[in-house]
Amino acid sequence: MVKEWATVVRWQKGRALLRYGSSSGCSSCRAKATCGSYLLEKIGPESIHQLELEISQPLQPGQKVEVGIPESSLLRSAMLVYLTPLLGLFLGSALFQFWTSDQLWVCLSGIGGGFAGFLIARKIAVYWDALQAYQPVVLQIGLPPDTIKVLQ
């Protein structure tokens, strides 16, 4: 299970809006020069993300919630996103290679096959979005922020 702590932004009628960001270890890691996650975080416009989940228990803004998703679902999603367009690229160019020896048409059919693979992956992702195995689940709910008071 891949786990991440998120902060409640708001809770209304059983729906919670959660905000989460990259872990604090990303900025202090020694491998950040070669780490893809670190580089994508720096390229991207925002490192804070939001997620809306159904949580029946009333929550307060600022409260922490641990959210998880099974590794198998995450790996299947990654394979779908990366391998389907790549497979389309290879199949498109290989099939066209049998019909013509002109490399321009083989290259263009490979690009078309990659694009078709991307569209197929998108359709499958829409279908998978409704499946329960691909939905994040709440693992733990922390105490509300006003519960613990520090006396000096």
N, C-alpha and C. Protein backbone atom coordinates (compact mmCIF):
# COMPACT_ATOMS: atom_id res chain seq x y z
N MET A 1 0.85 -1.18 0.00
CA MET A 1 0.00 0.00 0.00
C MET A 1 0.90 1.24 0.00
N VAL A 2 0.67 2.13 -0.94
CA VAL A 2 1.38 3.40 -1.00
C VAL A 2 0.58 4.39 -0.15
N LYS A 3 1.23 5.00 0.83
CA LYS A 3 0.53 5.85 1.81
C LYS A 3 1.04 7.28 1.72
N GLU A 4 0.15 8.21 2.01
CA GLU A 4 0.49 9.63 2.03
C GLU A 4 -0.42 10.33 3.03
N TRP A 5 0.14 11.23 3.82
CA TRP A 5 -0.65 12.02 4.75
C TRP A 5 -1.14 13.27 4.03
N ALA A 6 -2.40 13.60 4.24
CA ALA A 6 -3.01 14.77 3.61
C ALA A 6 -3.68 15.61 4.69
N THR A 7 -3.86 16.88 4.40
CA THR A 7 -4.49 17.82 5.32
C THR A 7 -5.88 18.16 4.80
N VAL A 8 -6.84 18.17 5.69
CA VAL A 8 -8.22 18.49 5.32
C VAL A 8 -8.32 19.98 5.05
N VAL A 9 -8.83 20.33 3.87
CA VAL A 9 -9.09 21.73 3.54
C VAL A 9 -10.52 22.08 3.94
N ARG A 10 -11.46 21.21 3.57
CA ARG A 10 -12.86 21.40 3.99
C ARG A 10 -13.56 20.04 3.98
N TRP A 11 -14.64 19.96 4.77
CA TRP A 11 -15.49 18.77 4.82
C TRP A 11 -16.92 19.24 4.79
N GLN A 12 -17.70 18.74 3.80
CA GLN A 12 -19.10 19.10 3.69
C GLN A 12 -19.90 17.88 3.24
N LYS A 13 -20.92 17.54 3.97
CA LYS A 13 -21.87 16.49 3.60
C LYS A 13 -21.20 15.18 3.19
N GLY A 14 -20.22 14.75 3.94
CA GLY A 14 -19.57 13.48 3.70
C GLY A 14 -18.48 13.50 2.65
N ARG A 15 -18.14 14.64 2.09
CA ARG A 15 -17.07 14.78 1.10
C ARG A 15 -15.98 15.66 1.70
N ALA A 16 -14.76 15.17 1.62
CA ALA A 16 -13.63 15.92 2.18
C ALA A 16 -12.68 16.31 1.05
N LEU A 17 -12.26 17.56 1.05
CA LEU A 17 -11.24 18.04 0.13
C LEU A 17 -9.92 18.00 0.88
N LEU A 18 -8.97 17.21 0.37
CA LEU A 18 -7.68 17.01 1.02
C LEU A 18 -6.58 17.63 0.18
N ARG A 19 -5.57 18.15 0.84
CA ARG A 19 -4.41 18.71 0.16
C ARG A 19 -3.18 17.94 0.61
N TYR A 20 -2.38 17.55 -0.37
CA TYR A 20 -1.14 16.84 -0.06
C TYR A 20 -0.05 17.34 -0.99
N GLY A 21 1.18 17.17 -0.56
CA GLY A 21 2.31 17.61 -1.37
C GLY A 21 3.40 16.57 -1.33
N SER A 22 4.53 16.91 -1.96
CA SER A 22 5.65 15.99 -1.97
C SER A 22 6.22 15.87 -0.56
N SER A 23 6.87 14.76 -0.31
CA SER A 23 7.42 14.54 1.02
C SER A 23 8.60 15.47 1.27
N SER A 24 8.83 15.77 2.52
CA SER A 24 9.90 16.71 2.86
C SER A 24 11.28 16.13 2.58
N GLY A 25 11.39 14.83 2.44
CA GLY A 25 12.67 14.21 2.16
C GLY A 25 13.18 14.46 0.76
N CYS A 26 12.31 14.87 -0.16
CA CYS A 26 12.72 15.07 -1.55
C CYS A 26 13.77 16.17 -1.69
N SER A 27 13.69 17.21 -0.88
CA SER A 27 14.63 18.31 -1.05
C SER A 27 15.99 18.03 -0.42
N SER A 28 16.06 17.08 0.50
CA SER A 28 17.32 16.80 1.17
C SER A 28 18.00 15.52 0.69
N CYS A 29 17.42 14.83 -0.26
CA CYS A 29 17.97 13.56 -0.74
C CYS A 29 19.23 13.81 -1.57
N ARG A 30 20.20 12.93 -1.46
CA ARG A 30 21.45 13.08 -2.21
C ARG A 30 21.29 12.73 -3.68
N ALA A 31 20.28 11.96 -4.02
CA ALA A 31 20.10 11.50 -5.40
C ALA A 31 19.24 12.45 -6.22
N LYS A 32 19.01 13.66 -5.73
CA LYS A 32 18.07 14.53 -6.43
C LYS A 32 18.55 14.96 -7.81
N ALA A 33 19.83 14.90 -8.08
CA ALA A 33 20.33 15.25 -9.41
C ALA A 33 19.91 14.22 -10.46
N THR A 34 19.69 12.98 -10.04
CA THR A 34 19.31 11.93 -10.98
C THR A 34 17.90 11.39 -10.74
N CYS A 35 17.18 11.99 -9.81
CA CYS A 35 15.85 11.48 -9.45
C CYS A 35 14.79 12.10 -10.37
N GLY A 36 13.99 11.24 -10.99
CA GLY A 36 12.94 11.72 -11.87
C GLY A 36 11.84 12.46 -11.12
N SER A 37 11.50 12.00 -9.93
CA SER A 37 10.45 12.66 -9.15
C SER A 37 10.85 14.07 -8.77
N TYR A 38 12.09 14.24 -8.37
CA TYR A 38 12.57 15.57 -7.99
C TYR A 38 12.56 16.51 -9.19
N LEU A 39 13.01 16.01 -10.34
CA LEU A 39 13.05 16.85 -11.54
C LEU A 39 11.65 17.22 -12.00
N LEU A 40 10.73 16.27 -11.98
CA LEU A 40 9.36 16.57 -12.37
C LEU A 40 8.70 17.56 -11.42
N GLU A 41 9.04 17.47 -10.14
CA GLU A 41 8.49 18.40 -9.17
C GLU A 41 8.97 19.82 -9.46
N LYS A 42 10.23 19.95 -9.85
CA LYS A 42 10.77 21.27 -10.14
C LYS A 42 10.24 21.83 -11.46
N ILE A 43 9.96 20.96 -12.42
CA ILE A 43 9.44 21.41 -13.71
C ILE A 43 7.97 21.80 -13.60
N GLY A 44 7.23 21.02 -12.85
CA GLY A 44 5.78 21.20 -12.75
C GLY A 44 5.41 22.52 -12.12
N PRO A 45 4.18 22.97 -12.38
CA PRO A 45 3.75 24.27 -11.86
C PRO A 45 3.50 24.27 -10.37
N GLU A 46 3.14 23.13 -9.82
CA GLU A 46 2.75 23.11 -8.42
C GLU A 46 3.08 21.77 -7.80
N SER A 47 3.61 21.78 -6.58
CA SER A 47 3.92 20.52 -5.92
C SER A 47 2.87 20.15 -4.88
N ILE A 48 1.82 20.96 -4.77
CA ILE A 48 0.73 20.65 -3.86
C ILE A 48 -0.47 20.24 -4.68
N HIS A 49 -1.08 19.11 -4.30
CA HIS A 49 -2.19 18.55 -5.05
C HIS A 49 -3.41 18.45 -4.15
N GLN A 50 -4.58 18.37 -4.76
CA GLN A 50 -5.81 18.23 -4.01
C GLN A 50 -6.55 16.98 -4.46
N LEU A 51 -7.27 16.40 -3.52
CA LEU A 51 -8.01 15.17 -3.75
C LEU A 51 -9.32 15.26 -2.99
N GLU A 52 -10.40 14.84 -3.61
CA GLU A 52 -11.69 14.84 -2.94
C GLU A 52 -12.12 13.40 -2.71
N LEU A 53 -12.41 13.08 -1.45
CA LEU A 53 -12.80 11.72 -1.06
C LEU A 53 -14.09 11.74 -0.27
N GLU A 54 -14.76 10.60 -0.28
CA GLU A 54 -15.96 10.45 0.53
C GLU A 54 -15.55 9.92 1.90
N ILE A 55 -15.78 10.71 2.94
CA ILE A 55 -15.45 10.34 4.32
C ILE A 55 -16.67 10.69 5.16
N SER A 56 -17.28 9.69 5.78
CA SER A 56 -18.52 9.93 6.53
C SER A 56 -18.26 10.63 7.86
N GLN A 57 -17.12 10.41 8.46
CA GLN A 57 -16.80 11.02 9.76
C GLN A 57 -16.55 12.52 9.58
N PRO A 58 -17.20 13.37 10.40
CA PRO A 58 -16.96 14.81 10.28
C PRO A 58 -15.50 15.16 10.56
N LEU A 59 -14.96 16.02 9.74
CA LEU A 59 -13.56 16.43 9.87
C LEU A 59 -13.48 17.95 9.97
N GLN A 60 -12.38 18.41 10.56
CA GLN A 60 -12.14 19.85 10.69
C GLN A 60 -11.00 20.25 9.77
N PRO A 61 -11.03 21.48 9.26
CA PRO A 61 -9.89 21.95 8.46
C PRO A 61 -8.60 21.91 9.28
N GLY A 62 -7.55 21.42 8.65
CA GLY A 62 -6.27 21.28 9.33
C GLY A 62 -6.02 19.89 9.89
N GLN A 63 -7.04 19.07 9.94
CA GLN A 63 -6.91 17.71 10.46
C GLN A 63 -6.15 16.86 9.44
N LYS A 64 -5.34 15.93 9.93
CA LYS A 64 -4.54 15.05 9.07
C LYS A 64 -5.28 13.74 8.81
N VAL A 65 -5.15 13.26 7.57
CA VAL A 65 -5.77 12.00 7.16
C VAL A 65 -4.74 11.22 6.36
N GLU A 66 -4.58 9.93 6.67
CA GLU A 66 -3.67 9.09 5.90
C GLU A 66 -4.47 8.39 4.80
N VAL A 67 -4.02 8.59 3.56
CA VAL A 67 -4.70 8.03 2.40
C VAL A 67 -3.76 7.03 1.74
N GLY A 68 -4.32 5.92 1.23
CA GLY A 68 -3.49 4.91 0.60
C GLY A 68 -4.13 4.37 -0.66
N ILE A 69 -3.29 3.82 -1.53
CA ILE A 69 -3.75 3.14 -2.74
C ILE A 69 -2.89 1.89 -2.89
N PRO A 70 -3.48 0.76 -3.29
CA PRO A 70 -2.70 -0.47 -3.42
C PRO A 70 -1.61 -0.35 -4.49
N GLU A 71 -0.45 -0.96 -4.22
CA GLU A 71 0.66 -0.91 -5.17
C GLU A 71 0.30 -1.54 -6.50
N SER A 72 -0.49 -2.61 -6.47
CA SER A 72 -0.86 -3.28 -7.72
C SER A 72 -1.64 -2.35 -8.64
N SER A 73 -2.53 -1.56 -8.08
CA SER A 73 -3.29 -0.60 -8.88
C SER A 73 -2.38 0.48 -9.44
N LEU A 74 -1.44 0.93 -8.64
CA LEU A 74 -0.51 1.96 -9.08
C LEU A 74 0.40 1.44 -10.20
N LEU A 75 0.87 0.21 -10.05
CA LEU A 75 1.72 -0.38 -11.10
C LEU A 75 0.95 -0.63 -12.39
N ARG A 76 -0.29 -1.11 -12.28
CA ARG A 76 -1.09 -1.31 -13.49
C ARG A 76 -1.36 0.01 -14.20
N SER A 77 -1.61 1.06 -13.44
CA SER A 77 -1.84 2.38 -14.03
C SER A 77 -0.58 2.88 -14.73
N ALA A 78 0.57 2.71 -14.10
CA ALA A 78 1.83 3.15 -14.71
C ALA A 78 2.11 2.36 -15.99
N MET A 79 1.85 1.06 -15.96
CA MET A 79 2.06 0.25 -17.17
C MET A 79 1.11 0.70 -18.28
N LEU A 80 -0.11 1.02 -17.93
CA LEU A 80 -1.08 1.48 -18.93
C LEU A 80 -0.61 2.79 -19.57
N VAL A 81 -0.16 3.71 -18.76
CA VAL A 81 0.24 5.03 -19.26
C VAL A 81 1.50 4.95 -20.13
N TYR A 82 2.46 4.13 -19.73
CA TYR A 82 3.73 4.10 -20.45
C TYR A 82 3.78 3.05 -21.56
N LEU A 83 3.25 1.87 -21.31
CA LEU A 83 3.41 0.77 -22.27
C LEU A 83 2.42 0.79 -23.43
N THR A 84 1.20 1.27 -23.20
CA THR A 84 0.21 1.25 -24.28
C THR A 84 0.63 2.14 -25.46
N PRO A 85 1.04 3.39 -25.25
CA PRO A 85 1.51 4.18 -26.40
C PRO A 85 2.78 3.60 -27.04
N LEU A 86 3.66 3.05 -26.23
CA LEU A 86 4.88 2.46 -26.77
C LEU A 86 4.56 1.23 -27.63
N LEU A 87 3.64 0.42 -27.15
CA LEU A 87 3.21 -0.74 -27.93
C LEU A 87 2.53 -0.31 -29.23
N GLY A 88 1.72 0.75 -29.17
CA GLY A 88 1.09 1.28 -30.37
C GLY A 88 2.11 1.80 -31.37
N LEU A 89 3.16 2.44 -30.87
CA LEU A 89 4.23 2.93 -31.74
C LEU A 89 4.91 1.78 -32.46
N PHE A 90 5.27 0.75 -31.73
CA PHE A 90 5.94 -0.41 -32.33
C PHE A 90 5.03 -1.15 -33.31
N LEU A 91 3.78 -1.38 -32.92
CA LEU A 91 2.86 -2.10 -33.79
C LEU A 91 2.54 -1.31 -35.06
N GLY A 92 2.33 0.00 -34.90
CA GLY A 92 2.03 0.83 -36.06
C GLY A 92 3.16 0.84 -37.07
N SER A 93 4.37 1.00 -36.60
CA SER A 93 5.51 1.03 -37.53
C SER A 93 5.81 -0.37 -38.08
N ALA A 94 5.65 -1.41 -37.29
CA ALA A 94 5.94 -2.77 -37.78
C ALA A 94 4.92 -3.21 -38.83
N LEU A 95 3.65 -2.89 -38.62
CA LEU A 95 2.64 -3.27 -39.61
C LEU A 95 2.84 -2.52 -40.92
N PHE A 96 3.19 -1.26 -40.84
CA PHE A 96 3.39 -0.48 -42.06
C PHE A 96 4.68 -0.87 -42.77
N GLN A 97 5.62 -1.42 -42.04
CA GLN A 97 6.89 -1.88 -42.63
C GLN A 97 6.63 -2.98 -43.65
N PHE A 98 5.59 -3.80 -43.43
CA PHE A 98 5.27 -4.88 -44.38
C PHE A 98 4.69 -4.33 -45.69
N TRP A 99 4.01 -3.19 -45.63
CA TRP A 99 3.35 -2.66 -46.82
C TRP A 99 4.25 -1.79 -47.69
N THR A 100 5.17 -1.08 -47.09
CA THR A 100 6.02 -0.18 -47.85
C THR A 100 7.42 -0.16 -47.27
N SER A 101 8.37 0.19 -48.09
CA SER A 101 9.75 0.31 -47.61
C SER A 101 10.14 1.78 -47.43
N ASP A 102 9.21 2.69 -47.68
CA ASP A 102 9.48 4.11 -47.50
C ASP A 102 9.50 4.43 -46.00
N GLN A 103 10.64 4.87 -45.52
CA GLN A 103 10.83 5.09 -44.09
C GLN A 103 9.99 6.24 -43.55
N LEU A 104 9.65 7.21 -44.40
CA LEU A 104 8.80 8.31 -43.96
C LEU A 104 7.43 7.80 -43.53
N TRP A 105 6.84 6.91 -44.33
CA TRP A 105 5.53 6.35 -44.00
C TRP A 105 5.60 5.43 -42.78
N VAL A 106 6.69 4.72 -42.64
CA VAL A 106 6.87 3.86 -41.47
C VAL A 106 6.96 4.72 -40.21
N CYS A 107 7.70 5.81 -40.30
CA CYS A 107 7.84 6.73 -39.15
C CYS A 107 6.50 7.37 -38.80
N LEU A 108 5.78 7.85 -39.82
CA LEU A 108 4.48 8.47 -39.58
C LEU A 108 3.47 7.47 -39.01
N SER A 109 3.51 6.24 -39.49
CA SER A 109 2.58 5.23 -38.94
C SER A 109 2.96 4.87 -37.50
N GLY A 110 4.24 4.91 -37.18
CA GLY A 110 4.66 4.69 -35.79
C GLY A 110 4.13 5.79 -34.88
N ILE A 111 4.22 7.04 -35.34
CA ILE A 111 3.69 8.16 -34.55
C ILE A 111 2.17 8.03 -34.41
N GLY A 112 1.51 7.65 -35.51
CA GLY A 112 0.06 7.43 -35.44
C GLY A 112 -0.32 6.29 -34.51
N GLY A 113 0.48 5.22 -34.53
CA GLY A 113 0.22 4.10 -33.62
C GLY A 113 0.43 4.49 -32.16
N GLY A 114 1.44 5.32 -31.91
CA GLY A 114 1.65 5.81 -30.54
C GLY A 114 0.50 6.67 -30.07
N PHE A 115 0.00 7.52 -30.96
CA PHE A 115 -1.15 8.36 -30.63
C PHE A 115 -2.39 7.50 -30.39
N ALA A 116 -2.60 6.49 -31.22
CA ALA A 116 -3.73 5.57 -31.03
C ALA A 116 -3.59 4.82 -29.71
N GLY A 117 -2.37 4.41 -29.36
CA GLY A 117 -2.14 3.76 -28.07
C GLY A 117 -2.46 4.68 -26.91
N PHE A 118 -2.13 5.96 -27.06
CA PHE A 118 -2.46 6.94 -26.03
C PHE A 118 -3.98 7.06 -25.87
N LEU A 119 -4.71 7.10 -26.98
CA LEU A 119 -6.18 7.20 -26.91
C LEU A 119 -6.79 5.94 -26.30
N ILE A 120 -6.24 4.78 -26.62
CA ILE A 120 -6.72 3.53 -26.02
C ILE A 120 -6.46 3.53 -24.51
N ALA A 121 -5.28 3.98 -24.10
CA ALA A 121 -4.95 4.05 -22.68
C ALA A 121 -5.90 5.00 -21.96
N ARG A 122 -6.26 6.08 -22.63
CA ARG A 122 -7.18 7.04 -22.02
C ARG A 122 -8.57 6.44 -21.82
N LYS A 123 -9.04 5.67 -22.80
CA LYS A 123 -10.35 5.00 -22.67
C LYS A 123 -10.33 3.98 -21.55
N ILE A 124 -9.25 3.22 -21.45
CA ILE A 124 -9.14 2.22 -20.39
C ILE A 124 -9.07 2.91 -19.02
N ALA A 125 -8.36 4.03 -18.94
CA ALA A 125 -8.26 4.76 -17.68
C ALA A 125 -9.61 5.29 -17.22
N VAL A 126 -10.44 5.73 -18.15
CA VAL A 126 -11.79 6.18 -17.80
C VAL A 126 -12.60 5.02 -17.24
N TYR A 127 -12.45 3.85 -17.83
CA TYR A 127 -13.15 2.66 -17.33
C TYR A 127 -12.63 2.28 -15.94
N TRP A 128 -11.31 2.29 -15.77
CA TRP A 128 -10.71 1.92 -14.48
C TRP A 128 -11.04 2.91 -13.38
N ASP A 129 -11.35 4.14 -13.74
CA ASP A 129 -11.63 5.17 -12.75
C ASP A 129 -12.82 4.80 -11.87
N ALA A 130 -13.77 4.07 -12.43
CA ALA A 130 -14.96 3.67 -11.67
C ALA A 130 -14.73 2.44 -10.80
N LEU A 131 -13.66 1.71 -11.01
CA LEU A 131 -13.41 0.49 -10.24
C LEU A 131 -12.91 0.82 -8.83
N GLN A 132 -13.34 0.05 -7.87
CA GLN A 132 -12.99 0.29 -6.47
C GLN A 132 -11.50 0.10 -6.19
N ALA A 133 -10.84 -0.79 -6.92
CA ALA A 133 -9.42 -1.06 -6.68
C ALA A 133 -8.53 0.14 -6.99
N TYR A 134 -9.02 1.07 -7.78
CA TYR A 134 -8.22 2.23 -8.17
C TYR A 134 -8.57 3.49 -7.40
N GLN A 135 -9.44 3.35 -6.42
CA GLN A 135 -9.83 4.49 -5.60
C GLN A 135 -8.97 4.56 -4.34
N PRO A 136 -8.54 5.74 -3.98
CA PRO A 136 -7.79 5.86 -2.72
C PRO A 136 -8.70 5.59 -1.52
N VAL A 137 -8.11 5.02 -0.48
CA VAL A 137 -8.87 4.70 0.73
C VAL A 137 -8.26 5.44 1.91
N VAL A 138 -9.10 5.73 2.89
CA VAL A 138 -8.65 6.39 4.12
C VAL A 138 -8.16 5.31 5.06
N LEU A 139 -6.90 5.41 5.47
CA LEU A 139 -6.32 4.42 6.38
C LEU A 139 -6.41 4.86 7.84
N GLN A 140 -6.13 6.13 8.10
CA GLN A 140 -6.17 6.65 9.47
C GLN A 140 -6.66 8.09 9.43
N ILE A 141 -7.30 8.48 10.51
CA ILE A 141 -7.71 9.87 10.66
C ILE A 141 -7.08 10.39 11.95
N GLY A 142 -6.32 11.45 11.82
CA GLY A 142 -5.64 12.03 12.98
C GLY A 142 -6.60 12.85 13.84
N LEU A 143 -6.11 13.26 14.98
CA LEU A 143 -6.91 14.09 15.88
C LEU A 143 -7.12 15.47 15.28
N PRO A 144 -8.24 16.10 15.61
CA PRO A 144 -8.44 17.48 15.15
C PRO A 144 -7.35 18.39 15.72
N PRO A 145 -7.02 19.47 15.01
CA PRO A 145 -5.92 20.32 15.46
C PRO A 145 -6.16 21.02 16.79
N ASP A 146 -7.41 21.20 17.18
CA ASP A 146 -7.67 21.89 18.45
C ASP A 146 -7.81 20.94 19.63
N THR A 147 -7.59 19.64 19.44
CA THR A 147 -7.73 18.66 20.50
C THR A 147 -6.56 18.71 21.48
N ILE A 148 -5.37 18.84 20.96
CA ILE A 148 -4.17 18.83 21.80
C ILE A 148 -3.75 20.27 22.07
N LYS A 149 -3.63 20.60 23.34
CA LYS A 149 -3.20 21.94 23.73
C LYS A 149 -1.90 21.82 24.51
N VAL A 150 -0.95 22.63 24.16
CA VAL A 150 0.34 22.63 24.84
C VAL A 150 0.34 23.73 25.88
N LEU A 151 0.56 23.34 27.13
CA LEU A 151 0.61 24.30 28.21
C LEU A 151 2.05 24.60 28.55
N GLN A 152 2.35 25.86 28.75
CA GLN A 152 3.73 26.25 29.07
C GLN A 152 3.84 26.72 30.48
